[in-house]
Amino acid sequence: MLEPSLAGRTAPVKRRTIIINSVLGVAILGVGAATAFSAIGGAPQQPTGTLVSVQRGTVSSTVTATGNVEAGSTVAVNPSGSGEVTKIYVKVGAKVAKGDKLLKIDDTSARRDLKTAKASLASAEAGMTTTTQGRSTQDQAVDDAGVRSAQTALSNARKALSQAKATYALDQKQQHALVNKADSAVEDAKDQLSDAKSELAKAQRELASETDPTKTTELQNQVTQAQSAVTTAENAVTTAKSSLTQAQQTRDKTLLSSKQNVQTQEGQVSAAGDSLASQEAQRASNQQPAREGAVESAQAQIDNARVSVEQAEQAVKDTTVRAPVDGTVADISAVLGQSSSGGGSASGGSSGGTSGNGTSGSSGTSSSSSSSSSGLVTLVNEKVKQITASVAEADIVKVKAGQTASVTFPASSKTLSGKVTSVATQSTVSNNVVQYDVAISLPTANSTVRLGQTGDVTITTASHADVLYVPTSAITTTGNQATVTRRADGTDATVQIETGLVGSVGTEVTRGLNEGDQLVLPTGTGTQGFTFPGGPGGSAGSDGAGGGSGGAGGGTNTDNGESGTGSGGPR
């Protein structure tokens, strides 16, 4: 038996134990009942997934590339006449004004032409004297000699034409024969290839059907030999085709040259005939007494000769090549002693840059060459600048002249607005990538932007304002059908939609949704945090899922660089 004092102390302990056990039992029963109730659907499950809203705003499509700043206009300066460069007055980087000296060209030829022009003027003036004085016997003999000389020239031209036609006919016969021979060689090679393939197929069939191991090795050797014969025959076909192509090209080139020679000789005959007619007419005219208008004609010849003298004098002056406009010397290709063929000055937009790629949504660099590289001296107008970028062929169809663009310069973090001024029609290929040059003009008041500076170009190719749009990652496309998952009153439903412009912030929705509708991102576009029913919210996922207090929080979908806002769950 327990002592009374001990029994008195034990009774309260037993009562507390009973109470605790009872409470635990009730709690366990409650948890079991709640679990069973939830299992049979008594407690509704909250929908999960990352939510984004249908928004209204502007959707823009862009193409990006990288290029280098260049002068917006260049002038390729060349002398108007030919000659050797004897002096260079400027250096690269020099500022020049219109009329400043750039080069000096040897004026020997120009001065000789001036002397000839002055002699022609003297002759015309003498002709005026002859016209007014009449023809002498000596003059008549000169006229007769002129006619005979023209007759001889016409006869020689006709002989040359006859010879040219004979050569053309012979070339046609020979070249066609060579092409036909090469074509026959191709056909023979094809026949040999067909025979070799037949032998190979036969050997392969015999090897496949042979069961005797002693004969297998021999048949395998036959197959190998047949395969080698096929390879040899294929190479022969390739060689024959190449020979045929070469023969065709040689034929075309030879016949073109012969035909051009015939045409040239025909022109010579025509010119000789005209010269003879002119000499005969001149002689007949000279043998007649002076007629009314003869003095006026002689005066016209004098006037023409004087114009020739003035032009020759200007050509002498032009041997000193001067700047046609104000500008900066960007390049000097002239060297002392170089022979110039002339051509004058040519101006145009400049282009050029660093080789690379330009693609939609990514940075790249442009590649092209200067349009003014043929100038002995190249002047640029640094006040007018542009940037040229090379855009990939997949994106070039979107780019049009007149589209707006922004240019950011990484070195200075400066951003300027520009406009597409031209899109090249001819492509360039760099590292097997087909690209097209696009020129973007820059504002004129940009003293901080330097020629050659690298800029990141973003061209806005399309823009739809005040439209509904959703993150592109929220759309599921099957064939031509686009759908989204819309959540309303806690229930998810698939909704078919019609889409418009696909931009950098999302995709335009033209039908099927309203502003503010809640959409569920497809599984896999983000990481959803695990949440107990009624418990605190999960942590934010990498694409904007989860997070927030009491449910899924807002975030940014990084799949396509688009922004999406999540919706908080119940607290």
Protein backbone atom coordinates (compact mmCIF):
# COMPACT_ATOMS: atom_id res chain seq x y z
CA MET A 1 0.00 0.00 0.00
CA LEU A 2 1.08 3.50 -0.67
CA GLU A 3 1.53 5.91 2.01
CA PRO A 4 -1.26 8.52 2.20
CA SER A 5 1.08 11.34 1.35
CA LEU A 6 2.42 9.54 -1.74
CA ALA A 7 -1.05 8.52 -2.88
CA GLY A 8 -2.18 12.10 -2.57
CA ARG A 9 0.60 13.27 -4.84
CA THR A 10 0.06 10.51 -7.44
CA ALA A 11 -3.64 11.18 -8.07
CA PRO A 12 -3.22 14.62 -9.74
CA VAL A 13 -0.48 13.22 -11.98
CA LYS A 14 -2.76 10.46 -13.20
CA ARG A 15 -5.55 12.96 -13.85
CA ARG A 16 -3.23 15.19 -15.96
CA THR A 17 -2.05 12.17 -17.93
CA ILE A 18 -5.61 11.15 -18.67
CA ILE A 19 -6.48 14.67 -19.79
CA ILE A 20 -3.42 14.93 -22.11
CA ASN A 21 -4.11 11.52 -23.62
CA SER A 22 -7.73 12.48 -24.21
CA VAL A 23 -6.74 15.70 -25.97
CA LEU A 24 -4.23 13.86 -28.14
CA GLY A 25 -6.84 11.29 -29.04
CA VAL A 26 -9.34 13.92 -30.04
CA ALA A 27 -6.65 15.70 -32.11
CA ILE A 28 -5.70 12.49 -33.89
CA LEU A 29 -9.38 11.74 -34.62
CA GLY A 30 -9.80 15.30 -35.90
CA VAL A 31 -6.82 15.05 -38.22
CA GLY A 32 -8.01 11.69 -39.51
CA ALA A 33 -11.49 13.02 -40.11
CA ALA A 34 -10.11 16.08 -41.91
CA THR A 35 -7.88 13.90 -44.04
CA ALA A 36 -10.75 11.59 -44.93
CA PHE A 37 -13.04 14.54 -45.61
CA SER A 38 -10.42 16.07 -47.95
CA ALA A 39 -9.82 12.73 -49.69
CA ILE A 40 -13.49 12.37 -50.66
CA GLY A 41 -13.59 15.89 -52.07
CA GLY A 42 -15.12 17.65 -49.13
CA ALA A 43 -12.37 20.37 -49.11
CA PRO A 44 -11.90 22.09 -52.53
CA GLN A 45 -8.35 22.22 -53.96
CA GLN A 46 -7.02 25.63 -55.04
CA PRO A 47 -5.93 25.83 -58.74
CA THR A 48 -2.18 26.14 -59.22
CA GLY A 49 0.07 27.64 -61.88
CA THR A 50 1.61 31.03 -62.71
CA LEU A 51 -0.94 33.70 -63.65
CA VAL A 52 -0.47 36.57 -66.09
CA SER A 53 -2.92 39.29 -67.07
CA VAL A 54 -4.19 40.34 -70.49
CA GLN A 55 -2.91 43.89 -70.87
CA ARG A 56 -3.53 46.78 -73.23
CA GLY A 57 -0.68 48.76 -74.72
CA THR A 58 1.71 48.98 -77.64
CA VAL A 59 3.26 45.91 -79.29
CA SER A 60 6.37 46.55 -81.35
CA SER A 61 8.52 44.26 -83.48
CA THR A 62 12.20 45.08 -83.78
CA VAL A 63 15.35 43.98 -85.57
CA THR A 64 18.72 44.59 -83.94
CA ALA A 65 22.27 44.75 -85.26
CA THR A 66 25.56 46.49 -84.60
CA GLY A 67 27.42 48.87 -86.90
CA ASN A 68 29.94 51.68 -87.02
CA VAL A 69 29.44 55.42 -87.46
CA GLU A 70 30.42 56.83 -90.81
CA ALA A 71 30.17 60.08 -92.67
CA GLY A 72 26.73 60.46 -94.20
CA SER A 73 28.21 61.75 -97.46
CA THR A 74 31.52 61.32 -99.21
CA VAL A 75 33.10 62.82 -102.31
CA ALA A 76 35.61 60.82 -104.35
CA VAL A 77 37.85 63.40 -105.99
CA ASN A 78 39.61 62.52 -109.24
CA PRO A 79 41.18 64.76 -111.85
CA SER A 80 38.99 65.47 -114.85
CA GLY A 81 41.81 64.42 -117.18
CA SER A 82 44.49 61.79 -117.24
CA GLY A 83 48.05 62.27 -116.17
CA GLU A 84 50.71 61.47 -113.62
CA VAL A 85 50.43 62.70 -110.02
CA THR A 86 53.32 65.10 -109.45
CA LYS A 87 52.40 66.67 -106.12
CA ILE A 88 50.10 66.03 -103.12
CA TYR A 89 49.14 69.14 -101.13
CA VAL A 90 47.12 67.60 -98.23
CA LYS A 91 47.29 64.85 -95.62
CA VAL A 92 44.65 62.57 -94.14
CA GLY A 93 42.60 64.39 -91.51
CA ALA A 94 43.17 67.85 -92.98
CA LYS A 95 40.22 70.26 -93.08
CA VAL A 96 39.77 71.77 -96.53
CA ALA A 97 37.53 74.44 -97.99
CA LYS A 98 36.01 74.43 -101.43
CA GLY A 99 38.71 75.43 -103.94
CA ASP A 100 41.70 74.36 -101.83
CA LYS A 101 44.50 72.53 -103.68
CA LEU A 102 44.54 68.74 -103.28
CA LEU A 103 46.74 67.33 -106.06
CA LYS A 104 48.83 68.37 -109.02
CA ILE A 105 48.68 66.33 -112.25
CA ASP A 106 51.34 66.48 -114.96
CA ASP A 107 50.08 69.11 -117.43
CA THR A 108 52.23 68.09 -120.40
CA SER A 109 49.37 66.43 -122.26
CA ALA A 110 46.91 69.22 -121.42
CA ARG A 111 49.27 71.86 -122.73
CA ARG A 112 49.82 69.85 -125.89
CA ASP A 113 46.05 69.69 -126.40
CA LEU A 114 45.87 73.45 -125.89
CA LYS A 115 48.52 73.94 -128.56
CA THR A 116 46.52 71.71 -130.93
CA ALA A 117 43.31 73.63 -130.23
CA LYS A 118 45.05 76.92 -131.00
CA ALA A 119 46.32 75.46 -134.25
CA SER A 120 42.78 74.42 -135.18
CA LEU A 121 41.63 77.94 -134.52
CA ALA A 122 44.31 79.26 -136.80
CA SER A 123 43.24 76.76 -139.46
CA ALA A 124 39.61 77.85 -139.16
CA GLU A 125 40.64 81.46 -139.53
CA ALA A 126 42.65 80.53 -142.62
CA GLY A 127 39.59 78.73 -143.96
CA MET A 128 37.66 81.94 -143.71
CA THR A 129 40.31 83.56 -145.88
CA THR A 130 40.12 80.72 -148.42
CA THR A 131 36.34 80.94 -148.56
CA THR A 132 36.41 84.58 -149.37
CA GLN A 133 39.30 84.33 -151.86
CA GLY A 134 38.27 81.21 -153.85
CA ARG A 135 40.14 77.93 -154.56
CA SER A 136 43.54 77.73 -156.27
CA THR A 137 44.86 74.89 -158.48
CA GLN A 138 46.94 73.62 -155.60
CA ASP A 139 43.85 73.59 -153.36
CA GLN A 140 41.95 71.55 -155.95
CA ALA A 141 44.78 68.98 -156.03
CA VAL A 142 44.53 68.69 -152.26
CA ASP A 143 40.78 68.04 -152.55
CA ASP A 144 41.38 65.28 -155.12
CA ALA A 145 43.97 63.66 -152.85
CA GLY A 146 41.51 63.74 -149.98
CA VAL A 147 38.88 61.90 -152.02
CA ARG A 148 41.37 59.24 -153.14
CA SER A 149 42.50 58.70 -149.58
CA ALA A 150 38.87 58.26 -148.45
CA GLN A 151 38.25 55.77 -151.30
CA THR A 152 41.26 53.71 -150.19
CA ALA A 153 40.09 53.74 -146.59
CA LEU A 154 36.64 52.49 -147.63
CA SER A 155 38.15 49.67 -149.71
CA ASN A 156 40.37 48.58 -146.81
CA ALA A 157 37.42 48.68 -144.41
CA ARG A 158 35.36 46.44 -146.67
CA LYS A 159 38.20 43.93 -146.91
CA ALA A 160 38.56 43.89 -143.12
CA LEU A 161 34.80 43.33 -142.75
CA SER A 162 34.88 40.41 -145.17
CA GLN A 163 37.76 38.84 -143.26
CA ALA A 164 35.97 39.37 -139.92
CA LYS A 165 32.84 37.62 -141.22
CA ALA A 166 34.90 34.69 -142.48
CA THR A 167 36.62 34.41 -139.10
CA TYR A 168 33.25 34.47 -137.33
CA ALA A 169 31.90 31.68 -139.52
CA LEU A 170 35.02 29.58 -138.92
CA ASP A 171 34.85 30.17 -135.18
CA GLN A 172 31.21 29.07 -135.14
CA LYS A 173 32.06 25.84 -136.92
CA GLN A 174 35.07 25.03 -134.76
CA GLN A 175 33.57 25.98 -131.41
CA HIS A 176 30.29 24.13 -132.03
CA ALA A 177 32.32 21.05 -132.97
CA LEU A 178 34.30 21.28 -129.73
CA VAL A 179 31.11 21.66 -127.67
CA ASN A 180 29.49 18.70 -129.45
CA LYS A 181 32.60 16.60 -128.80
CA ALA A 182 32.56 17.52 -125.11
CA ASP A 183 28.83 16.76 -124.94
CA SER A 184 29.42 13.34 -126.48
CA ALA A 185 32.17 12.71 -123.92
CA VAL A 186 29.66 13.43 -121.15
CA GLU A 187 27.19 10.96 -122.60
CA ASP A 188 29.92 8.32 -122.99
CA ALA A 189 30.98 8.85 -119.39
CA LYS A 190 27.36 8.51 -118.25
CA ASP A 191 27.05 5.24 -120.20
CA GLN A 192 30.22 3.92 -118.57
CA LEU A 193 28.89 4.95 -115.17
CA SER A 194 25.63 3.13 -115.85
CA ASP A 195 27.54 -0.01 -116.90
CA ALA A 196 29.74 0.19 -113.78
CA LYS A 197 26.68 0.53 -111.55
CA SER A 198 25.09 -2.48 -113.25
CA GLU A 199 28.24 -4.55 -112.66
CA LEU A 200 28.30 -3.43 -109.03
CA ALA A 201 24.66 -4.37 -108.53
CA LYS A 202 25.29 -7.76 -110.13
CA ALA A 203 28.33 -8.43 -107.93
CA GLN A 204 26.40 -7.40 -104.83
CA ARG A 205 23.52 -9.74 -105.71
CA GLU A 206 25.89 -12.66 -106.26
CA LEU A 207 27.65 -11.95 -102.97
CA ALA A 208 24.34 -11.72 -101.12
CA SER A 209 23.14 -15.05 -102.53
CA GLU A 210 26.45 -16.93 -102.16
CA THR A 211 26.57 -19.38 -99.22
CA ASP A 212 29.87 -21.02 -100.01
CA PRO A 213 32.51 -19.38 -97.74
CA THR A 214 35.27 -20.29 -100.20
CA LYS A 215 33.71 -18.07 -102.84
CA THR A 216 32.74 -15.20 -100.55
CA THR A 217 36.19 -13.61 -100.53
CA GLU A 218 36.42 -13.65 -104.30
CA LEU A 219 32.96 -12.12 -104.63
CA GLN A 220 33.80 -9.44 -102.06
CA ASN A 221 36.86 -8.52 -104.12
CA GLN A 222 34.63 -8.28 -107.18
CA VAL A 223 32.27 -5.97 -105.30
CA THR A 224 35.20 -3.80 -104.20
CA GLN A 225 36.51 -3.62 -107.75
CA ALA A 226 33.03 -2.79 -109.03
CA GLN A 227 32.66 0.00 -106.44
CA SER A 228 36.04 1.38 -107.49
CA ALA A 229 34.91 1.26 -111.11
CA VAL A 230 31.74 3.19 -110.17
CA THR A 231 33.81 5.82 -108.39
CA THR A 232 36.13 6.12 -111.37
CA ALA A 233 33.16 6.43 -113.71
CA GLU A 234 31.54 9.09 -111.52
CA ASN A 235 34.78 11.09 -111.53
CA ALA A 236 34.89 10.69 -115.30
CA VAL A 237 31.34 12.08 -115.57
CA THR A 238 32.29 15.05 -113.38
CA THR A 239 35.41 15.71 -115.45
CA ALA A 240 33.46 15.43 -118.69
CA LYS A 241 30.80 17.85 -117.46
CA SER A 242 33.48 20.31 -116.40
CA SER A 243 35.09 20.02 -119.84
CA LEU A 244 31.70 20.58 -121.46
CA THR A 245 31.11 23.70 -119.37
CA GLN A 246 34.57 25.00 -120.25
CA ALA A 247 33.97 24.31 -123.93
CA GLN A 248 30.62 26.13 -123.81
CA GLN A 249 32.18 29.11 -122.08
CA THR A 250 35.06 29.20 -124.55
CA ARG A 251 32.61 28.99 -127.43
CA ASP A 252 30.47 31.81 -126.10
CA LYS A 253 33.49 34.01 -125.42
CA THR A 254 35.10 33.32 -128.79
CA LEU A 255 31.88 33.86 -130.76
CA LEU A 256 31.11 37.03 -128.83
CA SER A 257 34.57 38.41 -129.62
CA SER A 258 34.25 37.45 -133.30
CA LYS A 259 30.79 38.97 -133.54
CA GLN A 260 31.95 42.17 -131.91
CA ASN A 261 34.81 42.32 -134.38
CA VAL A 262 32.32 42.00 -137.26
CA GLN A 263 30.26 44.80 -135.78
CA THR A 264 33.36 46.95 -135.36
CA GLN A 265 34.36 46.42 -138.98
CA GLU A 266 30.83 47.22 -140.11
CA GLY A 267 31.15 50.48 -138.23
CA GLN A 268 34.48 51.11 -139.92
CA VAL A 269 32.92 50.55 -143.34
CA SER A 270 30.10 52.90 -142.49
CA ALA A 271 32.48 55.55 -141.21
CA ALA A 272 34.73 55.21 -144.25
CA GLY A 273 31.74 55.56 -146.55
CA ASP A 274 30.62 58.67 -144.70
CA SER A 275 34.15 60.09 -144.91
CA LEU A 276 34.29 59.48 -148.64
CA ALA A 277 30.92 61.10 -149.15
CA SER A 278 32.08 64.05 -147.08
CA GLN A 279 35.31 64.41 -149.08
CA GLU A 280 33.45 64.24 -152.37
CA ALA A 281 30.91 66.75 -151.21
CA GLN A 282 33.66 69.03 -149.95
CA ARG A 283 35.51 68.83 -153.25
CA ALA A 284 32.34 69.56 -155.19
CA SER A 285 31.60 72.47 -152.93
CA ASN A 286 35.11 73.85 -153.23
CA GLN A 287 35.00 73.70 -157.00
CA GLN A 288 31.95 75.93 -157.05
CA PRO A 289 32.05 79.65 -156.60
CA ALA A 290 31.46 80.92 -153.10
CA ARG A 291 27.81 80.53 -152.16
CA GLU A 292 25.64 82.41 -149.80
CA GLY A 293 26.23 81.09 -146.28
CA ALA A 294 29.81 79.94 -146.91
CA VAL A 295 31.15 82.84 -144.91
CA GLU A 296 28.73 82.05 -142.07
CA SER A 297 29.90 78.41 -142.09
CA ALA A 298 33.53 79.45 -141.95
CA GLN A 299 32.72 81.76 -139.07
CA ALA A 300 30.98 78.91 -137.23
CA GLN A 301 34.15 76.83 -137.57
CA ILE A 302 36.13 79.67 -136.08
CA ASP A 303 33.67 79.88 -133.18
CA ASN A 304 33.90 76.15 -132.55
CA ALA A 305 37.68 76.31 -132.61
CA ARG A 306 37.63 79.12 -130.06
CA VAL A 307 35.43 77.01 -127.75
CA SER A 308 37.96 74.17 -128.08
CA VAL A 309 40.73 76.56 -127.08
CA GLU A 310 38.77 77.66 -124.01
CA GLN A 311 38.16 74.02 -123.04
CA ALA A 312 41.83 73.20 -123.47
CA GLU A 313 42.80 76.18 -121.32
CA GLN A 314 40.41 74.95 -118.62
CA ALA A 315 41.94 71.46 -118.84
CA VAL A 316 45.33 73.00 -118.11
CA LYS A 317 43.87 74.71 -115.04
CA ASP A 318 42.23 71.43 -113.97
CA THR A 319 45.60 69.73 -113.69
CA THR A 320 45.59 71.39 -110.28
CA VAL A 321 42.91 69.31 -108.54
CA ARG A 322 40.93 71.35 -106.01
CA ALA A 323 38.37 70.44 -103.35
CA PRO A 324 34.86 70.60 -104.85
CA VAL A 325 33.26 71.02 -101.40
CA ASP A 326 34.17 71.80 -97.81
CA GLY A 327 35.14 68.68 -95.86
CA THR A 328 37.75 66.53 -94.18
CA VAL A 329 40.32 64.44 -96.03
CA ALA A 330 39.38 60.86 -95.11
CA ASP A 331 41.65 58.97 -97.48
CA ILE A 332 44.41 59.58 -100.01
CA SER A 333 44.99 56.75 -102.44
CA ALA A 334 47.13 58.85 -104.76
CA VAL A 335 50.88 58.35 -104.74
CA LEU A 336 53.52 60.38 -106.49
CA GLY A 337 54.13 59.06 -109.98
CA GLN A 338 50.73 57.32 -110.15
CA SER A 339 48.94 57.53 -113.49
CA SER A 340 45.36 58.81 -113.22
CA SER A 341 42.70 57.98 -115.78
CA GLY A 342 40.52 60.94 -114.82
CA GLY A 343 36.79 60.87 -114.22
CA GLY A 344 36.16 63.89 -112.05
CA SER A 345 34.50 63.82 -108.63
CA ALA A 346 31.71 61.52 -107.49
CA SER A 347 29.66 61.89 -104.32
CA GLY A 348 27.44 59.50 -102.44
CA GLY A 349 26.50 58.01 -99.11
CA SER A 350 29.28 56.21 -97.33
CA SER A 351 29.14 52.77 -95.87
CA GLY A 352 31.42 50.34 -94.11
CA GLY A 353 31.91 48.57 -90.81
CA THR A 354 33.04 45.48 -88.96
CA SER A 355 32.13 42.01 -90.24
CA GLY A 356 29.48 40.12 -88.26
CA ASN A 357 25.78 39.31 -87.96
CA GLY A 358 22.65 41.36 -87.39
CA THR A 359 19.58 39.47 -86.30
CA SER A 360 16.18 40.21 -84.81
CA GLY A 361 16.35 40.43 -81.05
CA SER A 362 20.15 40.09 -80.89
CA SER A 363 23.19 42.22 -81.45
CA GLY A 364 25.41 41.94 -84.49
CA THR A 365 27.81 43.95 -86.59
CA SER A 366 27.68 45.10 -90.16
CA SER A 367 29.91 44.62 -93.16
CA SER A 368 30.26 46.55 -96.39
CA SER A 369 32.74 48.64 -98.38
CA SER A 370 33.08 52.30 -99.19
CA SER A 371 31.27 53.51 -102.26
CA SER A 372 33.93 56.13 -102.84
CA SER A 373 37.05 54.00 -102.75
CA SER A 374 37.91 54.93 -106.37
CA GLY A 375 38.88 58.52 -105.54
CA LEU A 376 42.49 59.63 -105.46
CA VAL A 377 41.35 61.80 -102.54
CA THR A 378 38.22 61.09 -100.52
CA LEU A 379 36.48 63.92 -98.66
CA VAL A 380 33.82 63.36 -96.02
CA ASN A 381 31.27 65.64 -94.42
CA GLU A 382 31.62 64.91 -90.72
CA LYS A 383 28.60 67.06 -89.90
CA VAL A 384 26.29 64.45 -91.45
CA LYS A 385 26.67 60.99 -89.93
CA GLN A 386 25.04 57.61 -90.34
CA ILE A 387 25.51 54.07 -89.09
CA THR A 388 25.44 51.03 -91.34
CA ALA A 389 24.51 47.60 -89.98
CA SER A 390 24.30 44.21 -91.67
CA VAL A 391 20.94 42.51 -91.15
CA ALA A 392 20.44 38.77 -91.65
CA GLU A 393 18.39 37.65 -94.65
CA ALA A 394 15.71 36.22 -92.33
CA ASP A 395 15.02 39.72 -90.98
CA ILE A 396 15.73 41.97 -93.97
CA VAL A 397 12.22 41.56 -95.42
CA LYS A 398 10.89 43.42 -92.37
CA VAL A 399 13.18 46.43 -92.80
CA LYS A 400 12.03 49.34 -94.97
CA ALA A 401 13.33 52.84 -95.63
CA GLY A 402 11.67 55.40 -93.36
CA GLN A 403 11.38 53.12 -90.31
CA THR A 404 12.49 54.58 -86.99
CA ALA A 405 15.50 53.25 -85.14
CA SER A 406 17.41 53.86 -81.94
CA VAL A 407 21.19 53.68 -81.70
CA THR A 408 22.96 53.09 -78.40
CA PHE A 409 26.71 53.65 -78.14
CA PRO A 410 28.17 51.27 -75.52
CA ALA A 411 31.26 53.40 -74.99
CA SER A 412 29.25 56.44 -73.87
CA SER A 413 25.86 54.85 -73.00
CA LYS A 414 24.37 57.55 -75.24
CA THR A 415 21.22 56.71 -77.20
CA LEU A 416 20.14 58.58 -80.35
CA SER A 417 17.08 58.35 -82.55
CA GLY A 418 17.55 57.67 -86.24
CA LYS A 419 15.74 56.64 -89.38
CA VAL A 420 16.40 53.94 -91.99
CA THR A 421 17.51 55.75 -95.14
CA SER A 422 18.41 52.84 -97.41
CA VAL A 423 18.29 49.05 -97.61
CA ALA A 424 20.78 47.29 -99.88
CA THR A 425 19.33 45.22 -102.70
CA GLN A 426 22.51 43.16 -103.05
CA SER A 427 23.58 40.84 -100.26
CA THR A 428 27.00 40.28 -98.75
CA VAL A 429 28.21 36.91 -97.46
CA SER A 430 30.45 36.69 -94.40
CA ASN A 431 31.33 33.32 -92.84
CA ASN A 432 28.56 31.72 -94.94
CA VAL A 433 26.00 34.16 -93.45
CA VAL A 434 23.93 36.14 -95.96
CA GLN A 435 23.42 39.74 -94.86
CA TYR A 436 22.12 43.02 -96.24
CA ASP A 437 23.47 46.49 -95.44
CA VAL A 438 21.02 48.92 -93.83
CA ALA A 439 21.91 52.62 -93.43
CA ILE A 440 20.44 54.62 -90.52
CA SER A 441 20.78 58.39 -90.45
CA LEU A 442 21.76 60.11 -87.20
CA PRO A 443 20.81 63.61 -85.98
CA THR A 444 23.16 66.25 -87.31
CA ALA A 445 23.89 67.87 -83.92
CA ASN A 446 26.09 65.07 -82.58
CA SER A 447 29.56 66.40 -81.97
CA THR A 448 30.19 63.67 -79.37
CA VAL A 449 29.66 60.85 -81.86
CA ARG A 450 32.89 59.94 -83.64
CA LEU A 451 33.43 58.32 -87.00
CA GLY A 452 34.09 54.61 -86.55
CA GLN A 453 32.33 54.47 -83.17
CA THR A 454 30.39 51.24 -82.56
CA GLY A 455 26.64 51.46 -82.00
CA ASP A 456 23.88 48.95 -81.19
CA VAL A 457 20.98 49.51 -83.59
CA THR A 458 17.34 48.66 -82.87
CA ILE A 459 14.98 49.12 -85.83
CA THR A 460 11.23 49.22 -85.17
CA THR A 461 9.77 47.26 -88.09
CA ALA A 462 6.13 47.29 -86.93
CA SER A 463 4.10 48.75 -84.06
CA HIS A 464 0.45 48.36 -83.02
CA ALA A 465 -0.79 50.80 -80.39
CA ASP A 466 -3.67 50.40 -77.94
CA VAL A 467 -4.05 46.65 -78.48
CA LEU A 468 -4.51 43.67 -76.17
CA TYR A 469 -1.44 41.52 -75.68
CA VAL A 470 -0.22 38.62 -73.58
CA PRO A 471 3.19 37.06 -72.97
CA THR A 472 4.07 34.91 -75.96
CA SER A 473 4.87 32.02 -73.60
CA ALA A 474 1.21 31.92 -72.48
CA ILE A 475 0.10 30.89 -75.99
CA THR A 476 0.00 27.30 -77.17
CA THR A 477 -0.03 26.83 -80.94
CA THR A 478 -1.16 23.65 -82.65
CA GLY A 479 -1.11 23.92 -86.41
CA ASN A 480 -2.92 27.18 -87.24
CA GLN A 481 -4.85 27.21 -83.96
CA ALA A 482 -3.69 29.29 -80.98
CA THR A 483 -5.08 28.72 -77.48
CA VAL A 484 -4.55 29.95 -73.92
CA THR A 485 -5.67 28.71 -70.50
CA ARG A 486 -7.94 31.29 -68.86
CA ARG A 487 -8.79 31.17 -65.16
CA ALA A 488 -12.15 32.55 -64.06
CA ASP A 489 -13.83 32.01 -60.65
CA GLY A 490 -11.19 29.47 -59.72
CA THR A 491 -11.77 27.38 -62.87
CA ASP A 492 -9.32 26.92 -65.74
CA ALA A 493 -10.60 26.65 -69.31
CA THR A 494 -8.91 26.45 -72.73
CA VAL A 495 -9.85 29.40 -74.96
CA GLN A 496 -9.15 29.66 -78.68
CA ILE A 497 -7.77 33.08 -79.70
CA GLU A 498 -6.67 34.96 -82.80
CA THR A 499 -3.28 36.67 -82.72
CA GLY A 500 -1.69 39.58 -84.52
CA LEU A 501 1.76 41.14 -84.27
CA VAL A 502 4.42 39.24 -82.33
CA GLY A 503 6.55 41.82 -80.52
CA SER A 504 9.31 42.02 -77.97
CA VAL A 505 6.90 42.50 -75.03
CA GLY A 506 4.37 39.88 -76.09
CA THR A 507 1.89 38.85 -78.76
CA GLU A 508 -1.11 40.90 -79.86
CA VAL A 509 -4.49 39.22 -79.30
CA THR A 510 -7.17 40.35 -81.76
CA ARG A 511 -10.00 38.07 -80.66
CA GLY A 512 -10.98 35.76 -77.81
CA LEU A 513 -9.82 37.67 -74.70
CA ASN A 514 -10.66 40.80 -72.73
CA GLU A 515 -8.39 43.19 -70.89
CA GLY A 516 -7.68 41.95 -67.39
CA ASP A 517 -8.38 38.27 -68.09
CA GLN A 518 -6.17 35.97 -66.02
CA LEU A 519 -4.17 33.38 -67.95
CA VAL A 520 -2.23 30.39 -66.69
CA LEU A 521 1.25 29.90 -68.11
CA PRO A 522 1.75 26.43 -69.56
CA THR A 523 3.63 23.95 -67.40
CA GLY A 524 7.37 24.23 -67.89
CA THR A 525 7.49 28.01 -68.46
CA GLY A 526 8.27 28.59 -64.77
CA THR A 527 8.96 26.87 -61.42
CA GLN A 528 5.91 26.86 -59.13
CA GLY A 529 6.63 26.91 -55.38
CA PHE A 530 4.84 24.17 -53.35
CA THR A 531 2.10 25.56 -51.03
CA PHE A 532 0.08 23.81 -48.34
CA PRO A 533 -3.68 24.48 -48.61
CA GLY A 534 -4.29 27.71 -46.75
CA GLY A 535 -0.61 27.98 -45.87
CA PRO A 536 1.99 30.62 -46.68
CA GLY A 537 3.01 31.18 -50.30
CA GLY A 538 5.94 29.46 -52.01
CA SER A 539 9.12 31.13 -53.07
CA ALA A 540 9.37 32.94 -56.41
CA GLY A 541 10.24 30.74 -59.41
CA SER A 542 12.81 31.60 -62.04
CA ASP A 543 10.11 32.68 -64.57
CA GLY A 544 7.90 34.55 -62.12
CA ALA A 545 5.92 31.63 -60.64
CA GLY A 546 5.27 31.22 -56.93
CA GLY A 547 6.41 33.67 -54.32
CA GLY A 548 4.46 36.26 -52.46
CA SER A 549 2.66 36.06 -49.15
CA GLY A 550 -0.10 33.49 -49.12
CA GLY A 551 0.12 32.35 -52.76
CA ALA A 552 1.81 32.67 -56.14
CA GLY A 553 3.51 35.98 -56.56
CA GLY A 554 4.36 38.28 -59.47
CA GLY A 555 7.46 37.82 -61.56
CA THR A 556 8.99 38.10 -64.99
CA ASN A 557 8.78 35.39 -67.63
CA THR A 558 12.25 35.07 -69.14
CA ASP A 559 11.40 32.66 -71.98
CA ASN A 560 11.03 35.37 -74.60
CA GLY A 561 12.16 38.52 -72.87
CA GLU A 562 8.52 39.40 -72.08
CA SER A 563 7.04 40.81 -68.92
CA GLY A 564 4.28 38.97 -67.06
CA THR A 565 2.66 39.69 -63.73
CA GLY A 566 1.66 36.87 -61.40
CA SER A 567 -1.41 36.98 -59.15
CA GLY A 568 -1.27 36.39 -55.41
CA GLY A 569 -3.10 33.34 -54.05
CA PRO A 570 -5.50 33.27 -51.07
CA ARG A 571 -4.15 34.10 -47.68
